[in-house]
Structures are given as C-alpha cells and as structure tokens.
Amino acid sequence: GLDPKATKKLLQFLEIEKERGAGILMSTHVLDTAEKICDRF
C-alpha cells in the first residue's frame, strides 16, 4: 500500500533507528529490497 516515495522514507527512518541501536524484524515479500537492507534472513 505504500507508494515508492513513502517506501523510501520508511527505509530511511529504519536506518536511523538501527543507528540508534534498535533491532528490527521485518516480514516481507519484496526480496529485492530485502536483499539491500537486511543484515540477515
């Protein structure tokens, strides 16, 4: 349901939260994006 612009903004904020020390578990079918942003699977 997210448009590309909102998706990019979400990814930017998740990166900020990672830098803050938060952990993230994310279920997704979007494997091309997952490959770019996930540390493990």
PDB file of all heavy atoms in Angstrom:
ATOM      1  N   GLY A   1       0.791  -1.227   0.000  1.00  0.00           N
ATOM      2  CA  GLY A   1       0.000   0.000   0.000  1.00  0.00           C
ATOM      3  C   GLY A   1       0.820   1.270   0.000  1.00  0.00           C
ATOM      4  O   GLY A   1       0.258   2.356  -0.132  1.00  0.00           O
ATOM      5  N   LEU A   2       2.149   1.155   0.157  1.00  0.00           N
ATOM      6  CA  LEU A   2       2.984   2.349   0.173  1.00  0.00           C
ATOM      7  C   LEU A   2       3.444   2.701  -1.238  1.00  0.00           C
ATOM      8  O   LEU A   2       3.840   1.826  -2.004  1.00  0.00           O
ATOM      9  CB  LEU A   2       4.214   2.140   1.057  1.00  0.00           C
ATOM     10  CG  LEU A   2       4.008   2.050   2.568  1.00  0.00           C
ATOM     11  CD1 LEU A   2       5.358   1.992   3.268  1.00  0.00           C
ATOM     12  CD2 LEU A   2       3.175   3.195   3.104  1.00  0.00           C
ATOM     13  N   ASP A   3       3.422   3.986  -1.557  1.00  0.00           N
ATOM     14  CA  ASP A   3       3.984   4.425  -2.827  1.00  0.00           C
ATOM     15  C   ASP A   3       5.511   4.455  -2.700  1.00  0.00           C
ATOM     16  O   ASP A   3       6.057   4.370  -1.600  1.00  0.00           O
ATOM     17  CB  ASP A   3       3.429   5.805  -3.202  1.00  0.00           C
ATOM     18  CG  ASP A   3       3.696   6.860  -2.140  1.00  0.00           C
ATOM     19  OD1 ASP A   3       4.885   7.145  -1.867  1.00  0.00           O
ATOM     20  OD2 ASP A   3       2.735   7.387  -1.564  1.00  0.00           O
ATOM     21  N   PRO A   4       6.226   4.542  -3.827  1.00  0.00           N
ATOM     22  CA  PRO A   4       7.693   4.497  -3.774  1.00  0.00           C
ATOM     23  C   PRO A   4       8.321   5.560  -2.876  1.00  0.00           C
ATOM     24  O   PRO A   4       9.314   5.299  -2.196  1.00  0.00           O
ATOM     25  CB  PRO A   4       8.097   4.702  -5.246  1.00  0.00           C
ATOM     26  CG  PRO A   4       6.935   4.170  -6.018  1.00  0.00           C
ATOM     27  CD  PRO A   4       5.721   4.532  -5.218  1.00  0.00           C
ATOM     28  N   LYS A   5       7.740   6.752  -2.871  1.00  0.00           N
ATOM     29  CA  LYS A   5       8.292   7.825  -2.048  1.00  0.00           C
ATOM     30  C   LYS A   5       8.167   7.496  -0.566  1.00  0.00           C
ATOM     31  O   LYS A   5       9.121   7.679   0.213  1.00  0.00           O
ATOM     32  CB  LYS A   5       7.566   9.143  -2.355  1.00  0.00           C
ATOM     33  CG  LYS A   5       8.258  10.373  -1.800  1.00  0.00           C
ATOM     34  CD  LYS A   5       7.629  11.640  -2.364  1.00  0.00           C
ATOM     35  CE  LYS A   5       8.391  12.869  -1.902  1.00  0.00           C
ATOM     36  NZ  LYS A   5       7.832  14.118  -2.487  1.00  0.00           N
ATOM     37  N   ALA A   6       7.007   6.996  -0.156  1.00  0.00           N
ATOM     38  CA  ALA A   6       6.804   6.636   1.250  1.00  0.00           C
ATOM     39  C   ALA A   6       7.684   5.450   1.639  1.00  0.00           C
ATOM     40  O   ALA A   6       8.195   5.386   2.763  1.00  0.00           O
ATOM     41  CB  ALA A   6       5.334   6.303   1.492  1.00  0.00           C
ATOM     42  N   THR A   7       7.865   4.514   0.703  1.00  0.00           N
ATOM     43  CA  THR A   7       8.741   3.374   0.963  1.00  0.00           C
ATOM     44  C   THR A   7      10.162   3.849   1.236  1.00  0.00           C
ATOM     45  O   THR A   7      10.819   3.380   2.184  1.00  0.00           O
ATOM     46  CB  THR A   7       8.742   2.415  -0.244  1.00  0.00           C
ATOM     47  OG1 THR A   7       7.424   1.871  -0.404  1.00  0.00           O
ATOM     48  CG2 THR A   7       9.731   1.276  -0.033  1.00  0.00           C
ATOM     49  N   LYS A   8      10.647   4.786   0.421  1.00  0.00           N
ATOM     50  CA  LYS A   8      11.996   5.312   0.621  1.00  0.00           C
ATOM     51  C   LYS A   8      12.116   6.004   1.974  1.00  0.00           C
ATOM     52  O   LYS A   8      13.123   5.834   2.682  1.00  0.00           O
ATOM     53  CB  LYS A   8      12.345   6.283  -0.507  1.00  0.00           C
ATOM     54  CG  LYS A   8      13.757   6.835  -0.418  1.00  0.00           C
ATOM     55  CD  LYS A   8      14.079   7.743  -1.605  1.00  0.00           C
ATOM     56  CE  LYS A   8      15.506   8.277  -1.503  1.00  0.00           C
ATOM     57  NZ  LYS A   8      15.833   9.167  -2.652  1.00  0.00           N
ATOM     58  N   LYS A   9      11.108   6.775   2.355  1.00  0.00           N
ATOM     59  CA  LYS A   9      11.138   7.466   3.645  1.00  0.00           C
ATOM     60  C   LYS A   9      11.151   6.464   4.795  1.00  0.00           C
ATOM     61  O   LYS A   9      11.888   6.627   5.777  1.00  0.00           O
ATOM     62  CB  LYS A   9       9.934   8.394   3.773  1.00  0.00           C
ATOM     63  CG  LYS A   9       9.952   9.575   2.809  1.00  0.00           C
ATOM     64  CD  LYS A   9      11.130  10.488   3.069  1.00  0.00           C
ATOM     65  CE  LYS A   9      11.086  11.706   2.149  1.00  0.00           C
ATOM     66  NZ  LYS A   9      12.287  12.577   2.340  1.00  0.00           N
ATOM     67  N   LEU A  10      10.351   5.401   4.682  1.00  0.00           N
ATOM     68  CA  LEU A  10      10.338   4.382   5.727  1.00  0.00           C
ATOM     69  C   LEU A  10      11.719   3.759   5.874  1.00  0.00           C
ATOM     70  O   LEU A  10      12.221   3.584   6.999  1.00  0.00           O
ATOM     71  CB  LEU A  10       9.305   3.308   5.400  1.00  0.00           C
ATOM     72  CG  LEU A  10       9.329   2.061   6.299  1.00  0.00           C
ATOM     73  CD1 LEU A  10       9.084   2.435   7.753  1.00  0.00           C
ATOM     74  CD2 LEU A  10       8.314   1.045   5.815  1.00  0.00           C
ATOM     75  N   LEU A  11      12.348   3.407   4.760  1.00  0.00           N
ATOM     76  CA  LEU A  11      13.668   2.789   4.810  1.00  0.00           C
ATOM     77  C   LEU A  11      14.693   3.732   5.441  1.00  0.00           C
ATOM     78  O   LEU A  11      15.572   3.288   6.194  1.00  0.00           O
ATOM     79  CB  LEU A  11      14.105   2.383   3.404  1.00  0.00           C
ATOM     80  CG  LEU A  11      13.277   1.284   2.747  1.00  0.00           C
ATOM     81  CD1 LEU A  11      13.773   1.017   1.331  1.00  0.00           C
ATOM     82  CD2 LEU A  11      13.298   0.007   3.565  1.00  0.00           C
ATOM     83  N   GLN A  12      14.576   5.016   5.167  1.00  0.00           N
ATOM     84  CA  GLN A  12      15.488   5.987   5.769  1.00  0.00           C
ATOM     85  C   GLN A  12      15.315   6.037   7.285  1.00  0.00           C
ATOM     86  O   GLN A  12      16.308   6.069   8.031  1.00  0.00           O
ATOM     87  CB  GLN A  12      15.253   7.371   5.161  1.00  0.00           C
ATOM     88  CG  GLN A  12      15.716   7.487   3.721  1.00  0.00           C
ATOM     89  CD  GLN A  12      15.315   8.799   3.067  1.00  0.00           C
ATOM     90  OE1 GLN A  12      14.410   9.504   3.549  1.00  0.00           O
ATOM     91  NE2 GLN A  12      15.976   9.146   1.972  1.00  0.00           N
ATOM     92  N   PHE A  13      14.068   6.016   7.743  1.00  0.00           N
ATOM     93  CA  PHE A  13      13.830   6.062   9.182  1.00  0.00           C
ATOM     94  C   PHE A  13      14.245   4.763   9.862  1.00  0.00           C
ATOM     95  O   PHE A  13      14.734   4.777  10.995  1.00  0.00           O
ATOM     96  CB  PHE A  13      12.365   6.386   9.472  1.00  0.00           C
ATOM     97  CG  PHE A  13      12.060   7.856   9.447  1.00  0.00           C
ATOM     98  CD1 PHE A  13      11.420   8.430   8.368  1.00  0.00           C
ATOM     99  CD2 PHE A  13      12.433   8.662  10.501  1.00  0.00           C
ATOM    100  CE1 PHE A  13      11.150   9.789   8.334  1.00  0.00           C
ATOM    101  CE2 PHE A  13      12.173  10.035  10.491  1.00  0.00           C
ATOM    102  CZ  PHE A  13      11.530  10.597   9.406  1.00  0.00           C
ATOM    103  N   LEU A  14      14.070   3.632   9.193  1.00  0.00           N
ATOM    104  CA  LEU A  14      14.532   2.362   9.772  1.00  0.00           C
ATOM    105  C   LEU A  14      16.045   2.368   9.926  1.00  0.00           C
ATOM    106  O   LEU A  14      16.578   1.833  10.915  1.00  0.00           O
ATOM    107  CB  LEU A  14      14.082   1.190   8.897  1.00  0.00           C
ATOM    108  CG  LEU A  14      12.583   0.893   8.876  1.00  0.00           C
ATOM    109  CD1 LEU A  14      12.294  -0.327   8.004  1.00  0.00           C
ATOM    110  CD2 LEU A  14      12.031   0.674  10.277  1.00  0.00           C
ATOM    111  N   GLU A  15      16.742   2.961   8.980  1.00  0.00           N
ATOM    112  CA  GLU A  15      18.204   3.067   9.092  1.00  0.00           C
ATOM    113  C   GLU A  15      18.584   3.943  10.286  1.00  0.00           C
ATOM    114  O   GLU A  15      19.537   3.629  11.026  1.00  0.00           O
ATOM    115  CB  GLU A  15      18.785   3.645   7.802  1.00  0.00           C
ATOM    116  CG  GLU A  15      20.292   3.667   7.752  1.00  0.00           C
ATOM    117  CD  GLU A  15      20.925   2.288   7.847  1.00  0.00           C
ATOM    118  OE1 GLU A  15      20.312   1.310   7.359  1.00  0.00           O
ATOM    119  OE2 GLU A  15      22.040   2.184   8.424  1.00  0.00           O
ATOM    120  N   ILE A  16      17.852   5.013  10.498  1.00  0.00           N
ATOM    121  CA  ILE A  16      18.100   5.880  11.658  1.00  0.00           C
ATOM    122  C   ILE A  16      17.876   5.103  12.953  1.00  0.00           C
ATOM    123  O   ILE A  16      18.662   5.207  13.912  1.00  0.00           O
ATOM    124  CB  ILE A  16      17.187   7.120  11.603  1.00  0.00           C
ATOM    125  CG1 ILE A  16      17.606   8.033  10.444  1.00  0.00           C
ATOM    126  CG2 ILE A  16      17.226   7.888  12.925  1.00  0.00           C
ATOM    127  CD1 ILE A  16      16.634   9.161  10.166  1.00  0.00           C
ATOM    128  N   GLU A  17      16.809   4.305  12.992  1.00  0.00           N
ATOM    129  CA  GLU A  17      16.518   3.524  14.195  1.00  0.00           C
ATOM    130  C   GLU A  17      17.594   2.460  14.431  1.00  0.00           C
ATOM    131  O   GLU A  17      17.969   2.183  15.569  1.00  0.00           O
ATOM    132  CB  GLU A  17      15.136   2.884  14.087  1.00  0.00           C
ATOM    133  CG  GLU A  17      13.991   3.875  14.168  1.00  0.00           C
ATOM    134  CD  GLU A  17      14.032   4.672  15.461  1.00  0.00           C
ATOM    135  OE1 GLU A  17      13.678   4.123  16.516  1.00  0.00           O
ATOM    136  OE2 GLU A  17      14.448   5.850  15.429  1.00  0.00           O
ATOM    137  N   LYS A  18      18.108   1.863  13.369  1.00  0.00           N
ATOM    138  CA  LYS A  18      19.220   0.915  13.503  1.00  0.00           C
ATOM    139  C   LYS A  18      20.439   1.610  14.107  1.00  0.00           C
ATOM    140  O   LYS A  18      21.094   1.069  15.005  1.00  0.00           O
ATOM    141  CB  LYS A  18      19.587   0.323  12.145  1.00  0.00           C
ATOM    142  CG  LYS A  18      18.659  -0.756  11.646  1.00  0.00           C
ATOM    143  CD  LYS A  18      19.121  -1.282  10.290  1.00  0.00           C
ATOM    144  CE  LYS A  18      20.520  -1.863  10.358  1.00  0.00           C
ATOM    145  NZ  LYS A  18      20.987  -2.361   9.051  1.00  0.00           N
ATOM    146  N   GLU A  19      20.751   2.794  13.620  1.00  0.00           N
ATOM    147  CA  GLU A  19      21.895   3.542  14.133  1.00  0.00           C
ATOM    148  C   GLU A  19      21.701   3.898  15.605  1.00  0.00           C
ATOM    149  O   GLU A  19      22.678   3.994  16.361  1.00  0.00           O
ATOM    150  CB  GLU A  19      22.109   4.803  13.300  1.00  0.00           C
ATOM    151  CG  GLU A  19      22.561   4.514  11.862  1.00  0.00           C
ATOM    152  CD  GLU A  19      22.632   5.761  11.010  1.00  0.00           C
ATOM    153  OE1 GLU A  19      22.290   6.852  11.528  1.00  0.00           O
ATOM    154  OE2 GLU A  19      23.003   5.649   9.822  1.00  0.00           O
ATOM    155  N   ARG A  20      20.445   4.065  16.012  1.00  0.00           N
ATOM    156  CA  ARG A  20      20.138   4.339  17.424  1.00  0.00           C
ATOM    157  C   ARG A  20      20.332   3.101  18.288  1.00  0.00           C
ATOM    158  O   ARG A  20      20.452   3.201  19.510  1.00  0.00           O
ATOM    159  CB  ARG A  20      18.693   4.847  17.528  1.00  0.00           C
ATOM    160  CG  ARG A  20      18.275   5.323  18.903  1.00  0.00           C
ATOM    161  CD  ARG A  20      16.880   5.922  18.888  1.00  0.00           C
ATOM    162  NE  ARG A  20      15.875   4.954  18.481  1.00  0.00           N
ATOM    163  CZ  ARG A  20      15.319   4.052  19.294  1.00  0.00           C
ATOM    164  NH1 ARG A  20      15.671   3.994  20.566  1.00  0.00           N
ATOM    165  NH2 ARG A  20      14.403   3.219  18.841  1.00  0.00           N
ATOM    166  N   GLY A  21      20.391   1.924  17.642  1.00  0.00           N
ATOM    167  CA  GLY A  21      20.593   0.689  18.383  1.00  0.00           C
ATOM    168  C   GLY A  21      19.379  -0.202  18.435  1.00  0.00           C
ATOM    169  O   GLY A  21      19.402  -1.255  19.091  1.00  0.00           O
ATOM    170  N   ALA A  22      18.302   0.192  17.740  1.00  0.00           N
ATOM    171  CA  ALA A  22      17.100  -0.640  17.736  1.00  0.00           C
ATOM    172  C   ALA A  22      17.309  -1.862  16.843  1.00  0.00           C
ATOM    173  O   ALA A  22      18.045  -1.816  15.856  1.00  0.00           O
ATOM    174  CB  ALA A  22      15.898   0.163  17.243  1.00  0.00           C
ATOM    175  N   GLY A  23      16.649  -2.958  17.186  1.00  0.00           N
ATOM    176  CA  GLY A  23      16.612  -4.134  16.330  1.00  0.00           C
ATOM    177  C   GLY A  23      15.306  -4.157  15.559  1.00  0.00           C
ATOM    178  O   GLY A  23      14.293  -3.621  16.026  1.00  0.00           O
ATOM    179  N   ILE A  24      15.344  -4.772  14.376  1.00  0.00           N
ATOM    180  CA  ILE A  24      14.158  -4.802  13.519  1.00  0.00           C
ATOM    181  C   ILE A  24      13.978  -6.206  12.962  1.00  0.00           C
ATOM    182  O   ILE A  24      14.907  -6.781  12.393  1.00  0.00           O
ATOM    183  CB  ILE A  24      14.285  -3.807  12.341  1.00  0.00           C
ATOM    184  CG1 ILE A  24      14.534  -2.387  12.857  1.00  0.00           C
ATOM    185  CG2 ILE A  24      13.038  -3.847  11.466  1.00  0.00           C
ATOM    186  CD1 ILE A  24      15.007  -1.417  11.783  1.00  0.00           C
ATOM    187  N   LEU A  25      12.775  -6.757  13.141  1.00  0.00           N
ATOM    188  CA  LEU A  25      12.374  -7.998  12.479  1.00  0.00           C
ATOM    189  C   LEU A  25      11.296  -7.621  11.483  1.00  0.00           C
ATOM    190  O   LEU A  25      10.244  -7.103  11.852  1.00  0.00           O
ATOM    191  CB  LEU A  25      11.832  -9.012  13.486  1.00  0.00           C
ATOM    192  CG  LEU A  25      11.283 -10.307  12.874  1.00  0.00           C
ATOM    193  CD1 LEU A  25      12.390 -11.105  12.200  1.00  0.00           C
ATOM    194  CD2 LEU A  25      10.575 -11.158  13.932  1.00  0.00           C
ATOM    195  N   MET A  26      11.550  -7.883  10.205  1.00  0.00           N
ATOM    196  CA  MET A  26      10.635  -7.448   9.155  1.00  0.00           C
ATOM    197  C   MET A  26      10.275  -8.601   8.234  1.00  0.00           C
ATOM    198  O   MET A  26      11.135  -9.193   7.591  1.00  0.00           O
ATOM    199  CB  MET A  26      11.272  -6.328   8.320  1.00  0.00           C
ATOM    200  CG  MET A  26      10.356  -5.768   7.245  1.00  0.00           C
ATOM    201  SD  MET A  26      11.150  -4.446   6.284  1.00  0.00           S
ATOM    202  CE  MET A  26      12.377  -5.400   5.380  1.00  0.00           C
ATOM    203  N   SER A  27       8.979  -8.906   8.173  1.00  0.00           N
ATOM    204  CA  SER A  27       8.472  -9.881   7.222  1.00  0.00           C
ATOM    205  C   SER A  27       8.172  -9.163   5.916  1.00  0.00           C
ATOM    206  O   SER A  27       7.531  -8.114   5.906  1.00  0.00           O
ATOM    207  CB  SER A  27       7.192 -10.530   7.762  1.00  0.00           C
ATOM    208  OG  SER A  27       6.532 -11.273   6.754  1.00  0.00           O
ATOM    209  N   THR A  28       8.636  -9.727   4.795  1.00  0.00           N
ATOM    210  CA  THR A  28       8.386  -9.070   3.514  1.00  0.00           C
ATOM    211  C   THR A  28       8.468 -10.051   2.358  1.00  0.00           C
ATOM    212  O   THR A  28       9.189 -11.039   2.403  1.00  0.00           O
ATOM    213  CB  THR A  28       9.384  -7.914   3.271  1.00  0.00           C
ATOM    214  OG1 THR A  28       9.077  -7.283   2.021  1.00  0.00           O
ATOM    215  CG2 THR A  28      10.811  -8.416   3.243  1.00  0.00           C
ATOM    216  N   HIS A  29       7.679  -9.739   1.303  1.00  0.00           N
ATOM    217  CA  HIS A  29       7.767 -10.454   0.036  1.00  0.00           C
ATOM    218  C   HIS A  29       8.657  -9.713  -0.965  1.00  0.00           C
ATOM    219  O   HIS A  29       8.963 -10.244  -2.033  1.00  0.00           O
ATOM    220  CB  HIS A  29       6.372 -10.593  -0.597  1.00  0.00           C
ATOM    221  CG  HIS A  29       5.536 -11.672   0.023  1.00  0.00           C
ATOM    222  ND1 HIS A  29       4.418 -11.395   0.766  1.00  0.00           N
ATOM    223  CD2 HIS A  29       5.676 -13.025   0.016  1.00  0.00           C
ATOM    224  CE1 HIS A  29       3.880 -12.538   1.186  1.00  0.00           C
ATOM    225  NE2 HIS A  29       4.629 -13.533   0.744  1.00  0.00           N
ATOM    226  N   VAL A  30       9.041  -8.503  -0.629  1.00  0.00           N
ATOM    227  CA  VAL A  30       9.794  -7.663  -1.564  1.00  0.00           C
ATOM    228  C   VAL A  30      11.274  -8.007  -1.415  1.00  0.00           C
ATOM    229  O   VAL A  30      12.035  -7.332  -0.706  1.00  0.00           O
ATOM    230  CB  VAL A  30       9.529  -6.170  -1.312  1.00  0.00           C
ATOM    231  CG1 VAL A  30      10.172  -5.324  -2.410  1.00  0.00           C
ATOM    232  CG2 VAL A  30       8.032  -5.888  -1.235  1.00  0.00           C
ATOM    233  N   LEU A  31      11.698  -9.060  -2.108  1.00  0.00           N
ATOM    234  CA  LEU A  31      13.023  -9.618  -1.872  1.00  0.00           C
ATOM    235  C   LEU A  31      14.146  -8.752  -2.419  1.00  0.00           C
ATOM    236  O   LEU A  31      15.257  -8.764  -1.878  1.00  0.00           O
ATOM    237  CB  LEU A  31      13.109 -11.024  -2.455  1.00  0.00           C
ATOM    238  CG  LEU A  31      12.146 -12.061  -1.836  1.00  0.00           C
ATOM    239  CD1 LEU A  31      12.461 -13.450  -2.377  1.00  0.00           C
ATOM    240  CD2 LEU A  31      12.230 -12.056  -0.311  1.00  0.00           C
ATOM    241  N   ASP A  32      13.897  -7.995  -3.479  1.00  0.00           N
ATOM    242  CA  ASP A  32      14.963  -7.138  -3.994  1.00  0.00           C
ATOM    243  C   ASP A  32      15.300  -6.042  -2.993  1.00  0.00           C
ATOM    244  O   ASP A  32      16.473  -5.697  -2.798  1.00  0.00           O
ATOM    245  CB  ASP A  32      14.591  -6.557  -5.353  1.00  0.00           C
ATOM    246  CG  ASP A  32      13.280  -5.799  -5.354  1.00  0.00           C
ATOM    247  OD1 ASP A  32      12.495  -5.946  -4.393  1.00  0.00           O
ATOM    248  OD2 ASP A  32      13.030  -5.047  -6.318  1.00  0.00           O
ATOM    249  N   THR A  33      14.281  -5.506  -2.334  1.00  0.00           N
ATOM    250  CA  THR A  33      14.519  -4.518  -1.284  1.00  0.00           C
ATOM    251  C   THR A  33      15.146  -5.175  -0.057  1.00  0.00           C
ATOM    252  O   THR A  33      16.083  -4.639   0.529  1.00  0.00           O
ATOM    253  CB  THR A  33      13.207  -3.820  -0.887  1.00  0.00           C
ATOM    254  OG1 THR A  33      12.672  -3.129  -2.019  1.00  0.00           O
ATOM    255  CG2 THR A  33      13.444  -2.816   0.234  1.00  0.00           C
ATOM    256  N   ALA A  34      14.642  -6.345   0.320  1.00  0.00           N
ATOM    257  CA  ALA A  34      15.181  -7.055   1.482  1.00  0.00           C
ATOM    258  C   ALA A  34      16.669  -7.338   1.317  1.00  0.00           C
ATOM    259  O   ALA A  34      17.449  -7.207   2.271  1.00  0.00           O
ATOM    260  CB  ALA A  34      14.414  -8.352   1.701  1.00  0.00           C
ATOM    261  N   GLU A  35      17.069  -7.719   0.117  1.00  0.00           N
ATOM    262  CA  GLU A  35      18.483  -8.019  -0.124  1.00  0.00           C
ATOM    263  C   GLU A  35      19.361  -6.803   0.145  1.00  0.00           C
ATOM    264  O   GLU A  35      20.489  -6.936   0.640  1.00  0.00           O
ATOM    265  CB  GLU A  35      18.676  -8.501  -1.564  1.00  0.00           C
ATOM    266  CG  GLU A  35      20.116  -8.832  -1.903  1.00  0.00           C
ATOM    267  CD  GLU A  35      20.297  -9.426  -3.285  1.00  0.00           C
ATOM    268  OE1 GLU A  35      19.287  -9.848  -3.895  1.00  0.00           O
ATOM    269  OE2 GLU A  35      21.446  -9.477  -3.759  1.00  0.00           O
ATOM    270  N   LYS A  36      18.851  -5.611  -0.155  1.00  0.00           N
ATOM    271  CA  LYS A  36      19.634  -4.388   0.003  1.00  0.00           C
ATOM    272  C   LYS A  36      19.721  -3.933   1.449  1.00  0.00           C
ATOM    273  O   LYS A  36      20.723  -3.333   1.845  1.00  0.00           O
ATOM    274  CB  LYS A  36      19.026  -3.274  -0.847  1.00  0.00           C
ATOM    275  CG  LYS A  36      19.083  -3.526  -2.346  1.00  0.00           C
ATOM    276  CD  LYS A  36      18.358  -2.430  -3.110  1.00  0.00           C
ATOM    277  CE  LYS A  36      18.334  -2.707  -4.605  1.00  0.00           C
ATOM    278  NZ  LYS A  36      17.562  -1.681  -5.346  1.00  0.00           N
ATOM    279  N   ILE A  37      18.685  -4.199   2.242  1.00  0.00           N
ATOM    280  CA  ILE A  37      18.630  -3.561   3.564  1.00  0.00           C
ATOM    281  C   ILE A  37      18.802  -4.517   4.739  1.00  0.00           C
ATOM    282  O   ILE A  37      19.131  -4.074   5.841  1.00  0.00           O
ATOM    283  CB  ILE A  37      17.301  -2.788   3.742  1.00  0.00           C
ATOM    284  CG1 ILE A  37      16.119  -3.759   3.769  1.00  0.00           C
ATOM    285  CG2 ILE A  37      17.136  -1.737   2.656  1.00  0.00           C
ATOM    286  CD1 ILE A  37      14.808  -3.089   4.135  1.00  0.00           C
ATOM    287  N   CYS A  38      18.607  -5.813   4.532  1.00  0.00           N
ATOM    288  CA  CYS A  38      18.638  -6.750   5.658  1.00  0.00           C
ATOM    289  C   CYS A  38      20.060  -7.228   5.942  1.00  0.00           C
ATOM    290  O   CYS A  38      20.844  -7.481   5.024  1.00  0.00           O
ATOM    291  CB  CYS A  38      17.744  -7.960   5.388  1.00  0.00           C
ATOM    292  SG  CYS A  38      15.983  -7.562   5.329  1.00  0.00           S
ATOM    293  N   ASP A  39      20.365  -7.367   7.213  1.00  0.00           N
ATOM    294  CA  ASP A  39      21.659  -7.892   7.623  1.00  0.00           C
ATOM    295  C   ASP A  39      21.670  -9.420   7.594  1.00  0.00           C
ATOM    296  O   ASP A  39      22.692 -10.026   7.276  1.00  0.00           O
ATOM    297  CB  ASP A  39      21.992  -7.407   9.039  1.00  0.00           C
ATOM    298  CG  ASP A  39      22.038  -5.887   9.113  1.00  0.00           C
ATOM    299  OD1 ASP A  39      22.918  -5.295   8.467  1.00  0.00           O
ATOM    300  OD2 ASP A  39      21.185  -5.301   9.806  1.00  0.00           O
ATOM    301  N   ARG A  40      20.555 -10.006   7.949  1.00  0.00           N
ATOM    302  CA  ARG A  40      20.414 -11.462   7.930  1.00  0.00           C
ATOM    303  C   ARG A  40      18.984 -11.809   7.524  1.00  0.00           C
ATOM    304  O   ARG A  40      18.106 -10.950   7.486  1.00  0.00           O
ATOM    305  CB  ARG A  40      20.704 -12.074   9.312  1.00  0.00           C
ATOM    306  CG  ARG A  40      22.153 -12.040   9.715  1.00  0.00           C
ATOM    307  CD  ARG A  40      22.440 -12.836  10.973  1.00  0.00           C
ATOM    308  NE  ARG A  40      21.739 -12.285  12.130  1.00  0.00           N
ATOM    309  CZ  ARG A  40      20.704 -12.869  12.739  1.00  0.00           C
ATOM    310  NH1 ARG A  40      20.228 -14.013  12.283  1.00  0.00           N
ATOM    311  NH2 ARG A  40      20.136 -12.297  13.780  1.00  0.00           N
ATOM    312  N   PHE A  41      18.775 -13.098   7.260  1.00  0.00           N
ATOM    313  CA  PHE A  41      17.463 -13.572   6.814  1.00  0.00           C
ATOM    314  C   PHE A  41      17.059 -14.817   7.612  1.00  0.00           C
ATOM    315  O   PHE A  41      17.900 -15.630   7.980  1.00  0.00           O
ATOM    316  CB  PHE A  41      17.487 -13.913   5.319  1.00  0.00           C
ATOM    317  CG  PHE A  41      17.929 -12.773   4.456  1.00  0.00           C
ATOM    318  CD1 PHE A  41      19.268 -12.628   4.105  1.00  0.00           C
ATOM    319  CD2 PHE A  41      17.022 -11.819   4.023  1.00  0.00           C
ATOM    320  CE1 PHE A  41      19.695 -11.563   3.325  1.00  0.00           C
ATOM    321  CE2 PHE A  41      17.440 -10.751   3.245  1.00  0.00           C
ATOM    322  CZ  PHE A  41      18.778 -10.622   2.887  1.00  0.00           C
TER     323      PHE A  41
END
